[in-house]
């Protein structure tokens, strides 16, 4: 047989081999479309049902129907106990309702299921701080910042948490970062000012408070903090002006007492005495105001060449009233002994 006549037979062999290669995957994998087991099918159904419940909860929450949304989040958790986003959604609503204990439990479970979930870690820190479990809150915020270092709220709240445990040096880098992240935030500026003040950096604190005053309403806390740092830097006229503004919008015993202190340092003794007396009228148990009254009257007694005995008696009475409220005041005890 000639080579030419063998060609069709060779082509047929090649075709058969090609067909064999095409069938290899089916032969090596067994059934082409393997059917899931009953357990796998049930698991897929549960996951789909949980996702549907979560979607319903999210939709209801967006519509403001929070109670029904919360029930749907809980139903999603019941169907699929490993659905992290459902725990976070439920925790947020519990916190919104003021049920911080249950919110903390839900956030904690979410962090256990998914440690790298920022929302779970940050939310957990927030409710822990509200529950006054500040050391735990700090750890939660640090875990959140390990995931998202430049989150404004996490930096700000971590700084406030460190301030709650009297650790201003630890608070400083996070307070400064919060301001860098959002320079237009008044609360962040106030917080940084408080950190600087706690570290004795009152000039820097004044700058932060003044910038905060341009960004937000002048509330009592801001004005009191600003006045205190102005006093610490010896700027008593500005301190008095700030406190005068404060007592007009939010009169209080501490505000009048500090105004009296500023006026006394400005040698406006009559006005200082009036401010201290006003503080005692607002709050008879505010002992620093009684000390101010006593010191003003003693000053009046000394300026009279020790002739104004009525001022001396009034001073001793005021200082004794202060000691009745707070006994451990060695300097006040010494004044009473010296002039009584």
C-alpha atoms as a PDB file:
ATOM      1  CA  UNK A   1       0.000   0.000   0.000  1.00  0.00           C
ATOM      2  CA  UNK A   2       1.398   3.372  -0.929  1.00  0.00           C
ATOM      3  CA  UNK A   3       1.954   6.226   1.492  1.00  0.00           C
ATOM      4  CA  UNK A   4      -0.701   8.227  -0.275  1.00  0.00           C
ATOM      5  CA  UNK A   5      -3.326   5.605   0.383  1.00  0.00           C
ATOM      6  CA  UNK A   6      -2.411   5.428   4.142  1.00  0.00           C
ATOM      7  CA  UNK A   7      -3.089   9.115   4.737  1.00  0.00           C
ATOM      8  CA  UNK A   8      -6.823   8.858   5.457  1.00  0.00           C
ATOM      9  CA  UNK A   9      -6.169   6.206   8.096  1.00  0.00           C
ATOM     10  CA  UNK A  10      -3.624   8.436   9.892  1.00  0.00           C
ATOM     11  CA  UNK A  11      -6.056  11.357   9.813  1.00  0.00           C
ATOM     12  CA  UNK A  12      -8.698   9.182  11.387  1.00  0.00           C
ATOM     13  CA  UNK A  13      -6.294   8.242  14.219  1.00  0.00           C
ATOM     14  CA  UNK A  14      -5.463  11.912  14.851  1.00  0.00           C
ATOM     15  CA  UNK A  15      -9.125  12.807  14.962  1.00  0.00           C
ATOM     16  CA  UNK A  16      -9.741  10.055  17.480  1.00  0.00           C
ATOM     17  CA  UNK A  17      -6.873  11.317  19.654  1.00  0.00           C
ATOM     18  CA  UNK A  18      -8.207  14.872  19.544  1.00  0.00           C
ATOM     19  CA  UNK A  19     -11.616  13.661  20.615  1.00  0.00           C
ATOM     20  CA  UNK A  20      -9.996  11.733  23.439  1.00  0.00           C
ATOM     21  CA  UNK A  21      -8.232  14.929  24.698  1.00  0.00           C
ATOM     22  CA  UNK A  22     -11.542  16.779  24.640  1.00  0.00           C
ATOM     23  CA  UNK A  23     -13.066  14.164  26.895  1.00  0.00           C
ATOM     24  CA  UNK A  24     -10.248  14.158  29.481  1.00  0.00           C
ATOM     25  CA  UNK A  25     -11.785  16.763  31.892  1.00  0.00           C
ATOM     26  CA  UNK A  26     -15.067  14.890  32.054  1.00  0.00           C
ATOM     27  CA  UNK A  27     -13.296  11.623  32.560  1.00  0.00           C
ATOM     28  CA  UNK A  28     -10.999  12.914  35.332  1.00  0.00           C
ATOM     29  CA  UNK A  29     -13.635  14.913  37.252  1.00  0.00           C
ATOM     30  CA  UNK A  30     -16.358  12.360  37.243  1.00  0.00           C
ATOM     31  CA  UNK A  31     -19.875  13.879  37.051  1.00  0.00           C
ATOM     32  CA  UNK A  32     -19.765  17.194  35.117  1.00  0.00           C
ATOM     33  CA  UNK A  33     -22.097  19.106  37.455  1.00  0.00           C
ATOM     34  CA  UNK A  34     -21.724  17.672  40.952  1.00  0.00           C
ATOM     35  CA  UNK A  35     -24.879  18.080  43.026  1.00  0.00           C
ATOM     36  CA  UNK A  36     -24.471  19.738  46.476  1.00  0.00           C
ATOM     37  CA  UNK A  37     -25.142  17.641  49.544  1.00  0.00           C
ATOM     38  CA  UNK A  38     -28.255  18.228  51.608  1.00  0.00           C
ATOM     39  CA  UNK A  39     -26.164  19.883  54.365  1.00  0.00           C
ATOM     40  CA  UNK A  40     -24.564  22.236  51.863  1.00  0.00           C
ATOM     41  CA  UNK A  41     -27.938  23.103  50.388  1.00  0.00           C
ATOM     42  CA  UNK A  42     -29.415  23.840  53.816  1.00  0.00           C
ATOM     43  CA  UNK A  43     -26.410  26.003  54.687  1.00  0.00           C
ATOM     44  CA  UNK A  44     -26.783  27.988  51.466  1.00  0.00           C
ATOM     45  CA  UNK A  45     -30.487  28.457  52.164  1.00  0.00           C
ATOM     46  CA  UNK A  46     -29.764  29.731  55.695  1.00  0.00           C
ATOM     47  CA  UNK A  47     -27.138  32.154  54.431  1.00  0.00           C
ATOM     48  CA  UNK A  48     -29.515  33.484  51.799  1.00  0.00           C
ATOM     49  CA  UNK A  49     -32.306  33.854  54.362  1.00  0.00           C
ATOM     50  CA  UNK A  50     -29.975  35.684  56.753  1.00  0.00           C
ATOM     51  CA  UNK A  51     -28.881  38.048  53.985  1.00  0.00           C
ATOM     52  CA  UNK A  52     -32.532  38.714  53.150  1.00  0.00           C
ATOM     53  CA  UNK A  53     -33.270  39.515  56.807  1.00  0.00           C
ATOM     54  CA  UNK A  54     -30.247  41.818  56.932  1.00  0.00           C
ATOM     55  CA  UNK A  55     -31.368  43.582  53.756  1.00  0.00           C
ATOM     56  CA  UNK A  56     -34.862  44.044  55.223  1.00  0.00           C
ATOM     57  CA  UNK A  57     -33.359  45.415  58.436  1.00  0.00           C
ATOM     58  CA  UNK A  58     -31.214  47.904  56.523  1.00  0.00           C
ATOM     59  CA  UNK A  59     -34.197  49.049  54.480  1.00  0.00           C
ATOM     60  CA  UNK A  60     -36.405  49.469  57.569  1.00  0.00           C
ATOM     61  CA  UNK A  61     -33.660  51.348  59.364  1.00  0.00           C
ATOM     62  CA  UNK A  62     -33.279  53.736  56.449  1.00  0.00           C
ATOM     63  CA  UNK A  63     -37.034  54.361  56.664  1.00  0.00           C
ATOM     64  CA  UNK A  64     -36.766  55.132  60.401  1.00  0.00           C
ATOM     65  CA  UNK A  65     -38.663  52.011  61.497  1.00  0.00           C
ATOM     66  CA  UNK A  66     -36.039  51.117  64.093  1.00  0.00           C
ATOM     67  CA  UNK A  67     -37.914  48.582  66.223  1.00  0.00           C
ATOM     68  CA  UNK A  68     -38.793  46.421  63.223  1.00  0.00           C
ATOM     69  CA  UNK A  69     -35.302  46.887  61.860  1.00  0.00           C
ATOM     70  CA  UNK A  70     -33.849  45.651  65.133  1.00  0.00           C
ATOM     71  CA  UNK A  71     -36.062  42.562  65.034  1.00  0.00           C
ATOM     72  CA  UNK A  72     -34.861  41.819  61.515  1.00  0.00           C
ATOM     73  CA  UNK A  73     -31.209  42.208  62.546  1.00  0.00           C
ATOM     74  CA  UNK A  74     -31.823  39.770  65.393  1.00  0.00           C
ATOM     75  CA  UNK A  75     -33.604  37.367  63.036  1.00  0.00           C
ATOM     76  CA  UNK A  76     -30.589  37.482  60.723  1.00  0.00           C
ATOM     77  CA  UNK A  77     -28.341  36.638  63.699  1.00  0.00           C
ATOM     78  CA  UNK A  78     -30.613  33.769  64.729  1.00  0.00           C
ATOM     79  CA  UNK A  79     -30.528  32.299  61.216  1.00  0.00           C
ATOM     80  CA  UNK A  80     -26.790  32.842  60.756  1.00  0.00           C
ATOM     81  CA  UNK A  81     -24.900  33.369  64.058  1.00  0.00           C
ATOM     82  CA  UNK A  82     -21.707  34.202  62.158  1.00  0.00           C
ATOM     83  CA  UNK A  83     -23.078  37.173  60.177  1.00  0.00           C
ATOM     84  CA  UNK A  84     -20.869  39.984  61.517  1.00  0.00           C
ATOM     85  CA  UNK A  85     -22.685  42.837  59.786  1.00  0.00           C
ATOM     86  CA  UNK A  86     -25.945  41.841  61.473  1.00  0.00           C
ATOM     87  CA  UNK A  87     -24.301  42.083  64.916  1.00  0.00           C
ATOM     88  CA  UNK A  88     -22.949  45.529  64.066  1.00  0.00           C
ATOM     89  CA  UNK A  89     -26.327  46.717  62.762  1.00  0.00           C
ATOM     90  CA  UNK A  90     -28.119  45.456  65.874  1.00  0.00           C
ATOM     91  CA  UNK A  91     -25.487  47.004  68.154  1.00  0.00           C
ATOM     92  CA  UNK A  92     -25.885  50.403  66.505  1.00  0.00           C
ATOM     93  CA  UNK A  93     -29.646  50.334  67.070  1.00  0.00           C
ATOM     94  CA  UNK A  94     -29.316  49.171  70.674  1.00  0.00           C
ATOM     95  CA  UNK A  95     -26.925  52.073  71.297  1.00  0.00           C
ATOM     96  CA  UNK A  96     -29.363  54.437  69.590  1.00  0.00           C
ATOM     97  CA  UNK A  97     -32.088  53.237  71.983  1.00  0.00           C
ATOM     98  CA  UNK A  98     -29.794  53.759  74.990  1.00  0.00           C
ATOM     99  CA  UNK A  99     -29.385  50.049  75.728  1.00  0.00           C
ATOM    100  CA  UNK A 100     -25.617  50.212  75.924  1.00  0.00           C
ATOM    101  CA  UNK A 101     -25.142  46.915  77.748  1.00  0.00           C
ATOM    102  CA  UNK A 102     -26.788  44.923  74.955  1.00  0.00           C
ATOM    103  CA  UNK A 103     -25.025  47.075  72.349  1.00  0.00           C
ATOM    104  CA  UNK A 104     -21.699  46.209  73.980  1.00  0.00           C
ATOM    105  CA  UNK A 105     -22.505  42.484  73.836  1.00  0.00           C
ATOM    106  CA  UNK A 106     -23.381  42.652  70.145  1.00  0.00           C
ATOM    107  CA  UNK A 107     -20.296  44.695  69.270  1.00  0.00           C
ATOM    108  CA  UNK A 108     -18.098  42.325  71.272  1.00  0.00           C
ATOM    109  CA  UNK A 109     -19.436  39.322  69.377  1.00  0.00           C
ATOM    110  CA  UNK A 110     -18.809  41.109  66.070  1.00  0.00           C
ATOM    111  CA  UNK A 111     -15.176  41.776  67.057  1.00  0.00           C
ATOM    112  CA  UNK A 112     -14.747  38.121  67.976  1.00  0.00           C
ATOM    113  CA  UNK A 113     -16.135  36.984  64.629  1.00  0.00           C
ATOM    114  CA  UNK A 114     -14.171  39.514  62.592  1.00  0.00           C
ATOM    115  CA  UNK A 115     -11.301  41.198  64.469  1.00  0.00           C
ATOM    116  CA  UNK A 116     -10.356  43.250  61.381  1.00  0.00           C
ATOM    117  CA  UNK A 117     -13.796  44.881  61.151  1.00  0.00           C
ATOM    118  CA  UNK A 118     -13.248  48.586  61.874  1.00  0.00           C
ATOM    119  CA  UNK A 119     -16.911  49.397  62.527  1.00  0.00           C
ATOM    120  CA  UNK A 120     -17.135  46.636  65.114  1.00  0.00           C
ATOM    121  CA  UNK A 121     -13.965  47.679  66.954  1.00  0.00           C
ATOM    122  CA  UNK A 122     -14.761  51.398  66.899  1.00  0.00           C
ATOM    123  CA  UNK A 123     -18.390  50.914  67.928  1.00  0.00           C
ATOM    124  CA  UNK A 124     -17.296  48.635  70.744  1.00  0.00           C
ATOM    125  CA  UNK A 125     -14.906  51.296  72.007  1.00  0.00           C
ATOM    126  CA  UNK A 126     -17.617  53.921  71.863  1.00  0.00           C
ATOM    127  CA  UNK A 127     -20.156  52.031  73.986  1.00  0.00           C
ATOM    128  CA  UNK A 128     -17.437  50.922  76.408  1.00  0.00           C
ATOM    129  CA  UNK A 129     -16.504  54.569  76.910  1.00  0.00           C
ATOM    130  CA  UNK A 130     -20.160  55.476  77.469  1.00  0.00           C
ATOM    131  CA  UNK A 131     -20.375  52.653  80.033  1.00  0.00           C
ATOM    132  CA  UNK A 132     -17.321  54.173  81.773  1.00  0.00           C
ATOM    133  CA  UNK A 133     -15.233  51.092  81.034  1.00  0.00           C
ATOM    134  CA  UNK A 134     -12.532  53.415  79.813  1.00  0.00           C
ATOM    135  CA  UNK A 135      -9.510  51.104  79.920  1.00  0.00           C
ATOM    136  CA  UNK A 136     -11.363  48.582  77.723  1.00  0.00           C
ATOM    137  CA  UNK A 137     -12.504  51.406  75.441  1.00  0.00           C
ATOM    138  CA  UNK A 138      -8.908  52.508  74.935  1.00  0.00           C
ATOM    139  CA  UNK A 139      -7.908  49.011  73.857  1.00  0.00           C
ATOM    140  CA  UNK A 140     -10.853  48.840  71.439  1.00  0.00           C
ATOM    141  CA  UNK A 141      -9.990  52.226  69.905  1.00  0.00           C
ATOM    142  CA  UNK A 142      -6.373  51.152  69.473  1.00  0.00           C
ATOM    143  CA  UNK A 143      -7.513  48.023  67.627  1.00  0.00           C
ATOM    144  CA  UNK A 144      -9.747  50.180  65.431  1.00  0.00           C
ATOM    145  CA  UNK A 145      -6.889  52.547  64.626  1.00  0.00           C
ATOM    146  CA  UNK A 146      -4.637  49.619  63.759  1.00  0.00           C
ATOM    147  CA  UNK A 147      -7.155  48.922  60.984  1.00  0.00           C
ATOM    148  CA  UNK A 148      -7.814  52.527  59.966  1.00  0.00           C
ATOM    149  CA  UNK A 149      -5.131  54.861  61.424  1.00  0.00           C
ATOM    150  CA  UNK A 150      -6.516  58.085  59.966  1.00  0.00           C
ATOM    151  CA  UNK A 151     -10.096  57.818  61.162  1.00  0.00           C
ATOM    152  CA  UNK A 152     -11.011  61.191  62.688  1.00  0.00           C
ATOM    153  CA  UNK A 153     -13.576  59.982  65.231  1.00  0.00           C
ATOM    154  CA  UNK A 154     -11.432  57.130  66.519  1.00  0.00           C
ATOM    155  CA  UNK A 155      -8.460  59.465  67.078  1.00  0.00           C
ATOM    156  CA  UNK A 156     -10.614  62.075  68.785  1.00  0.00           C
ATOM    157  CA  UNK A 157     -12.395  59.616  71.071  1.00  0.00           C
ATOM    158  CA  UNK A 158      -9.198  57.809  71.980  1.00  0.00           C
ATOM    159  CA  UNK A 159      -7.716  61.152  73.063  1.00  0.00           C
ATOM    160  CA  UNK A 160     -10.766  61.894  75.229  1.00  0.00           C
ATOM    161  CA  UNK A 161     -10.562  58.401  76.751  1.00  0.00           C
ATOM    162  CA  UNK A 162      -6.910  58.934  77.708  1.00  0.00           C
ATOM    163  CA  UNK A 163      -7.905  62.255  79.291  1.00  0.00           C
ATOM    164  CA  UNK A 164     -10.559  60.438  81.335  1.00  0.00           C
ATOM    165  CA  UNK A 165      -7.841  58.300  82.913  1.00  0.00           C
ATOM    166  CA  UNK A 166      -5.605  61.354  83.406  1.00  0.00           C
ATOM    167  CA  UNK A 167      -3.059  60.439  80.733  1.00  0.00           C
ATOM    168  CA  UNK A 168      -2.662  63.688  78.735  1.00  0.00           C
ATOM    169  CA  UNK A 169       0.741  62.671  77.388  1.00  0.00           C
ATOM    170  CA  UNK A 170      -0.835  59.548  75.862  1.00  0.00           C
ATOM    171  CA  UNK A 171      -3.768  61.608  74.572  1.00  0.00           C
ATOM    172  CA  UNK A 172      -1.624  64.238  72.847  1.00  0.00           C
ATOM    173  CA  UNK A 173      -0.628  62.424  69.599  1.00  0.00           C
ATOM    174  CA  UNK A 174      -4.210  61.329  68.925  1.00  0.00           C
ATOM    175  CA  UNK A 175      -5.662  64.753  69.747  1.00  0.00           C
ATOM    176  CA  UNK A 176      -3.137  66.406  67.432  1.00  0.00           C
ATOM    177  CA  UNK A 177      -3.856  63.902  64.658  1.00  0.00           C
ATOM    178  CA  UNK A 178      -7.594  64.536  64.971  1.00  0.00           C
ATOM    179  CA  UNK A 179      -6.985  68.259  64.415  1.00  0.00           C
ATOM    180  CA  UNK A 180      -4.728  67.558  61.434  1.00  0.00           C
ATOM    181  CA  UNK A 181      -7.396  65.306  59.938  1.00  0.00           C
ATOM    182  CA  UNK A 182     -10.147  67.889  60.439  1.00  0.00           C
ATOM    183  CA  UNK A 183      -8.800  71.388  61.189  1.00  0.00           C
ATOM    184  CA  UNK A 184     -12.327  72.828  61.016  1.00  0.00           C
ATOM    185  CA  UNK A 185     -13.636  70.745  63.933  1.00  0.00           C
ATOM    186  CA  UNK A 186     -14.349  72.909  66.969  1.00  0.00           C
ATOM    187  CA  UNK A 187     -14.650  69.930  69.368  1.00  0.00           C
ATOM    188  CA  UNK A 188     -11.296  68.582  68.192  1.00  0.00           C
ATOM    189  CA  UNK A 189      -9.696  71.978  68.870  1.00  0.00           C
ATOM    190  CA  UNK A 190     -11.280  72.144  72.346  1.00  0.00           C
ATOM    191  CA  UNK A 191     -10.049  68.652  73.124  1.00  0.00           C
ATOM    192  CA  UNK A 192      -6.518  69.460  71.997  1.00  0.00           C
ATOM    193  CA  UNK A 193      -6.609  72.640  74.068  1.00  0.00           C
ATOM    194  CA  UNK A 194      -7.601  70.618  77.134  1.00  0.00           C
ATOM    195  CA  UNK A 195      -4.722  68.215  76.480  1.00  0.00           C
ATOM    196  CA  UNK A 196      -2.236  71.069  76.211  1.00  0.00           C
ATOM    197  CA  UNK A 197      -3.628  72.689  79.356  1.00  0.00           C
ATOM    198  CA  UNK A 198      -3.278  69.413  81.286  1.00  0.00           C
ATOM    199  CA  UNK A 199       0.356  69.280  80.159  1.00  0.00           C
ATOM    200  CA  UNK A 200       0.938  72.870  81.338  1.00  0.00           C
ATOM    201  CA  UNK A 201       1.218  74.176  77.763  1.00  0.00           C
ATOM    202  CA  UNK A 202      -1.230  77.017  78.335  1.00  0.00           C
ATOM    203  CA  UNK A 203      -0.054  79.300  75.523  1.00  0.00           C
ATOM    204  CA  UNK A 204      -0.731  76.496  73.044  1.00  0.00           C
ATOM    205  CA  UNK A 205      -4.029  75.761  74.804  1.00  0.00           C
ATOM    206  CA  UNK A 206      -5.157  79.384  74.415  1.00  0.00           C
ATOM    207  CA  UNK A 207      -4.504  79.236  70.666  1.00  0.00           C
ATOM    208  CA  UNK A 208      -6.575  76.068  70.293  1.00  0.00           C
ATOM    209  CA  UNK A 209      -9.448  77.472  72.354  1.00  0.00           C
ATOM    210  CA  UNK A 210      -9.437  80.710  70.394  1.00  0.00           C
ATOM    211  CA  UNK A 211      -9.540  78.840  67.091  1.00  0.00           C
ATOM    212  CA  UNK A 212     -12.340  76.653  68.442  1.00  0.00           C
ATOM    213  CA  UNK A 213     -14.289  79.788  69.348  1.00  0.00           C
ATOM    214  CA  UNK A 214     -14.237  80.776  65.670  1.00  0.00           C
ATOM    215  CA  UNK A 215     -15.576  77.372  64.616  1.00  0.00           C
ATOM    216  CA  UNK A 216     -18.349  76.674  67.120  1.00  0.00           C
ATOM    217  CA  UNK A 217     -20.760  78.292  69.562  1.00  0.00           C
ATOM    218  CA  UNK A 218     -19.185  79.763  72.673  1.00  0.00           C
ATOM    219  CA  UNK A 219     -20.377  77.247  75.253  1.00  0.00           C
ATOM    220  CA  UNK A 220     -19.616  77.400  78.985  1.00  0.00           C
ATOM    221  CA  UNK A 221     -16.961  74.679  78.841  1.00  0.00           C
ATOM    222  CA  UNK A 222     -15.007  76.413  76.109  1.00  0.00           C
ATOM    223  CA  UNK A 223     -15.124  79.805  77.826  1.00  0.00           C
ATOM    224  CA  UNK A 224     -14.165  78.359  81.222  1.00  0.00           C
ATOM    225  CA  UNK A 225     -11.224  76.477  79.729  1.00  0.00           C
ATOM    226  CA  UNK A 226     -10.075  79.517  77.788  1.00  0.00           C
ATOM    227  CA  UNK A 227     -10.317  81.719  80.879  1.00  0.00           C
ATOM    228  CA  UNK A 228      -8.350  79.229  82.952  1.00  0.00           C
ATOM    229  CA  UNK A 229      -5.480  79.058  80.459  1.00  0.00           C
ATOM    230  CA  UNK A 230      -5.480  82.852  80.070  1.00  0.00           C
ATOM    231  CA  UNK A 231      -5.118  83.118  83.827  1.00  0.00           C
ATOM    232  CA  UNK A 232      -2.282  80.598  83.871  1.00  0.00           C
ATOM    233  CA  UNK A 233      -0.390  82.758  81.369  1.00  0.00           C
ATOM    234  CA  UNK A 234      -1.016  85.942  83.396  1.00  0.00           C
ATOM    235  CA  UNK A 235      -3.427  87.489  80.875  1.00  0.00           C
ATOM    236  CA  UNK A 236      -5.901  88.536  83.559  1.00  0.00           C
ATOM    237  CA  UNK A 237      -7.643  91.300  81.623  1.00  0.00           C
ATOM    238  CA  UNK A 238      -8.495  88.831  78.830  1.00  0.00           C
ATOM    239  CA  UNK A 239      -9.464  86.276  81.456  1.00  0.00           C
ATOM    240  CA  UNK A 240     -11.867  88.728  83.081  1.00  0.00           C
ATOM    241  CA  UNK A 241     -13.348  89.724  79.716  1.00  0.00           C
ATOM    242  CA  UNK A 242     -13.921  86.074  78.818  1.00  0.00           C
ATOM    243  CA  UNK A 243     -15.594  85.340  82.152  1.00  0.00           C
ATOM    244  CA  UNK A 244     -17.689  88.476  81.960  1.00  0.00           C
ATOM    245  CA  UNK A 245     -19.009  87.171  78.651  1.00  0.00           C
ATOM    246  CA  UNK A 246     -19.648  83.771  80.247  1.00  0.00           C
ATOM    247  CA  UNK A 247     -21.668  85.037  83.205  1.00  0.00           C
ATOM    248  CA  UNK A 248     -23.912  86.930  80.814  1.00  0.00           C
ATOM    249  CA  UNK A 249     -24.804  83.850  78.760  1.00  0.00           C
ATOM    250  CA  UNK A 250     -24.531  81.103  81.410  1.00  0.00           C
ATOM    251  CA  UNK A 251     -24.189  82.392  84.972  1.00  0.00           C
ATOM    252  CA  UNK A 252     -22.811  79.833  87.398  1.00  0.00           C
ATOM    253  CA  UNK A 253     -20.922  79.727  90.680  1.00  0.00           C
ATOM    254  CA  UNK A 254     -17.619  78.608  89.077  1.00  0.00           C
ATOM    255  CA  UNK A 255     -17.880  81.337  86.441  1.00  0.00           C
ATOM    256  CA  UNK A 256     -18.435  84.111  89.008  1.00  0.00           C
ATOM    257  CA  UNK A 257     -15.766  82.666  91.305  1.00  0.00           C
ATOM    258  CA  UNK A 258     -13.154  82.684  88.533  1.00  0.00           C
ATOM    259  CA  UNK A 259     -14.243  86.157  87.484  1.00  0.00           C
ATOM    260  CA  UNK A 260     -13.625  87.247  91.061  1.00  0.00           C
ATOM    261  CA  UNK A 261     -10.141  85.733  90.926  1.00  0.00           C
ATOM    262  CA  UNK A 262      -9.317  87.595  87.709  1.00  0.00           C
ATOM    263  CA  UNK A 263     -10.617  90.909  89.083  1.00  0.00           C
ATOM    264  CA  UNK A 264      -8.681  90.429  92.328  1.00  0.00           C
ATOM    265  CA  UNK A 265      -5.447  90.013  90.368  1.00  0.00           C
ATOM    266  CA  UNK A 266      -6.321  93.158  88.439  1.00  0.00           C
ATOM    267  CA  UNK A 267      -6.630  94.893  91.854  1.00  0.00           C
ATOM    268  CA  UNK A 268     -10.315  95.629  91.289  1.00  0.00           C
ATOM    269  CA  UNK A 269     -11.112  94.449  94.805  1.00  0.00           C
ATOM    270  CA  UNK A 270     -14.673  95.733  95.159  1.00  0.00           C
ATOM    271  CA  UNK A 271     -15.731  94.120  91.889  1.00  0.00           C
ATOM    272  CA  UNK A 272     -13.916  90.926  92.896  1.00  0.00           C
ATOM    273  CA  UNK A 273     -15.782  90.787  96.211  1.00  0.00           C
ATOM    274  CA  UNK A 274     -19.113  91.299  94.440  1.00  0.00           C
ATOM    275  CA  UNK A 275     -18.320  88.444  92.027  1.00  0.00           C
ATOM    276  CA  UNK A 276     -17.358  86.086  94.846  1.00  0.00           C
ATOM    277  CA  UNK A 277     -20.534  86.940  96.770  1.00  0.00           C
ATOM    278  CA  UNK A 278     -22.630  86.322  93.672  1.00  0.00           C
ATOM    279  CA  UNK A 279     -21.062  82.876  93.363  1.00  0.00           C
ATOM    280  CA  UNK A 280     -22.032  82.033  96.968  1.00  0.00           C
ATOM    281  CA  UNK A 281     -25.603  83.124  96.260  1.00  0.00           C
ATOM    282  CA  UNK A 282     -25.840  80.802  93.264  1.00  0.00           C
ATOM    283  CA  UNK A 283     -24.242  77.878  95.104  1.00  0.00           C
ATOM    284  CA  UNK A 284     -23.747  78.203  98.882  1.00  0.00           C
ATOM    285  CA  UNK A 285     -21.615  75.037  98.843  1.00  0.00           C
ATOM    286  CA  UNK A 286     -19.041  76.310  96.358  1.00  0.00           C
ATOM    287  CA  UNK A 287     -16.206  76.631  98.855  1.00  0.00           C
ATOM    288  CA  UNK A 288     -13.678  78.430  96.558  1.00  0.00           C
ATOM    289  CA  UNK A 289     -16.129  81.345  96.388  1.00  0.00           C
ATOM    290  CA  UNK A 290     -16.236  81.550 100.213  1.00  0.00           C
ATOM    291  CA  UNK A 291     -12.434  81.601 100.185  1.00  0.00           C
ATOM    292  CA  UNK A 292     -12.583  84.492  97.723  1.00  0.00           C
ATOM    293  CA  UNK A 293     -14.971  86.422  99.955  1.00  0.00           C
ATOM    294  CA  UNK A 294     -12.712  85.802 102.942  1.00  0.00           C
ATOM    295  CA  UNK A 295      -9.546  86.909 101.163  1.00  0.00           C
ATOM    296  CA  UNK A 296     -11.210  90.070  99.807  1.00  0.00           C
ATOM    297  CA  UNK A 297     -12.432  91.039 103.268  1.00  0.00           C
ATOM    298  CA  UNK A 298      -9.050  90.314 104.847  1.00  0.00           C
ATOM    299  CA  UNK A 299      -7.473  92.509 102.205  1.00  0.00           C
ATOM    300  CA  UNK A 300      -9.970  95.244 103.105  1.00  0.00           C
ATOM    301  CA  UNK A 301      -9.074  94.829 106.770  1.00  0.00           C
ATOM    302  CA  UNK A 302      -5.350  95.157 106.093  1.00  0.00           C
ATOM    303  CA  UNK A 303      -5.817  98.183 103.811  1.00  0.00           C
ATOM    304  CA  UNK A 304      -7.655  99.895 106.669  1.00  0.00           C
ATOM    305  CA  UNK A 305      -4.567  99.593 108.833  1.00  0.00           C
ATOM    306  CA  UNK A 306      -6.335  96.781 110.723  1.00  0.00           C
ATOM    307  CA  UNK A 307      -9.031  99.183 111.850  1.00  0.00           C
ATOM    308  CA  UNK A 308     -11.952  97.641 109.943  1.00  0.00           C
ATOM    309  CA  UNK A 309     -12.764  94.883 112.422  1.00  0.00           C
ATOM    310  CA  UNK A 310     -16.101  94.277 110.744  1.00  0.00           C
ATOM    311  CA  UNK A 311     -14.256  93.233 107.582  1.00  0.00           C
ATOM    312  CA  UNK A 312     -12.032  90.932 109.659  1.00  0.00           C
ATOM    313  CA  UNK A 313     -15.031  89.249 111.311  1.00  0.00           C
ATOM    314  CA  UNK A 314     -16.722  88.824 107.913  1.00  0.00           C
ATOM    315  CA  UNK A 315     -13.557  87.295 106.511  1.00  0.00           C
ATOM    316  CA  UNK A 316     -13.246  84.771 109.344  1.00  0.00           C
ATOM    317  CA  UNK A 317     -16.918  83.848 109.014  1.00  0.00           C
ATOM    318  CA  UNK A 318     -16.522  83.235 105.249  1.00  0.00           C
ATOM    319  CA  UNK A 319     -13.357  81.175 105.697  1.00  0.00           C
ATOM    320  CA  UNK A 320     -14.971  79.069 108.425  1.00  0.00           C
ATOM    321  CA  UNK A 321     -17.922  78.473 106.115  1.00  0.00           C
ATOM    322  CA  UNK A 322     -15.487  77.212 103.479  1.00  0.00           C
ATOM    323  CA  UNK A 323     -13.856  74.848 105.984  1.00  0.00           C
ATOM    324  CA  UNK A 324     -17.254  73.444 106.925  1.00  0.00           C
ATOM    325  CA  UNK A 325     -17.705  72.429 103.297  1.00  0.00           C
ATOM    326  CA  UNK A 326     -14.142  71.170 102.776  1.00  0.00           C
ATOM    327  CA  UNK A 327     -12.051  70.597 105.888  1.00  0.00           C
ATOM    328  CA  UNK A 328      -8.718  69.755 104.262  1.00  0.00           C
ATOM    329  CA  UNK A 329      -7.506  73.249 103.353  1.00  0.00           C
ATOM    330  CA  UNK A 330      -4.230  73.926 105.209  1.00  0.00           C
ATOM    331  CA  UNK A 331      -3.759  77.468 103.854  1.00  0.00           C
ATOM    332  CA  UNK A 332      -7.270  78.504 104.854  1.00  0.00           C
ATOM    333  CA  UNK A 333      -6.810  76.982 108.308  1.00  0.00           C
ATOM    334  CA  UNK A 334      -3.638  79.040 108.690  1.00  0.00           C
ATOM    335  CA  UNK A 335      -5.443  82.263 107.702  1.00  0.00           C
ATOM    336  CA  UNK A 336      -8.165  81.618 110.280  1.00  0.00           C
ATOM    337  CA  UNK A 337      -5.574  80.988 113.008  1.00  0.00           C
ATOM    338  CA  UNK A 338      -3.647  84.111 112.103  1.00  0.00           C
ATOM    339  CA  UNK A 339      -6.552  86.555 111.976  1.00  0.00           C
ATOM    340  CA  UNK A 340      -9.208  85.110 114.270  1.00  0.00           C
END
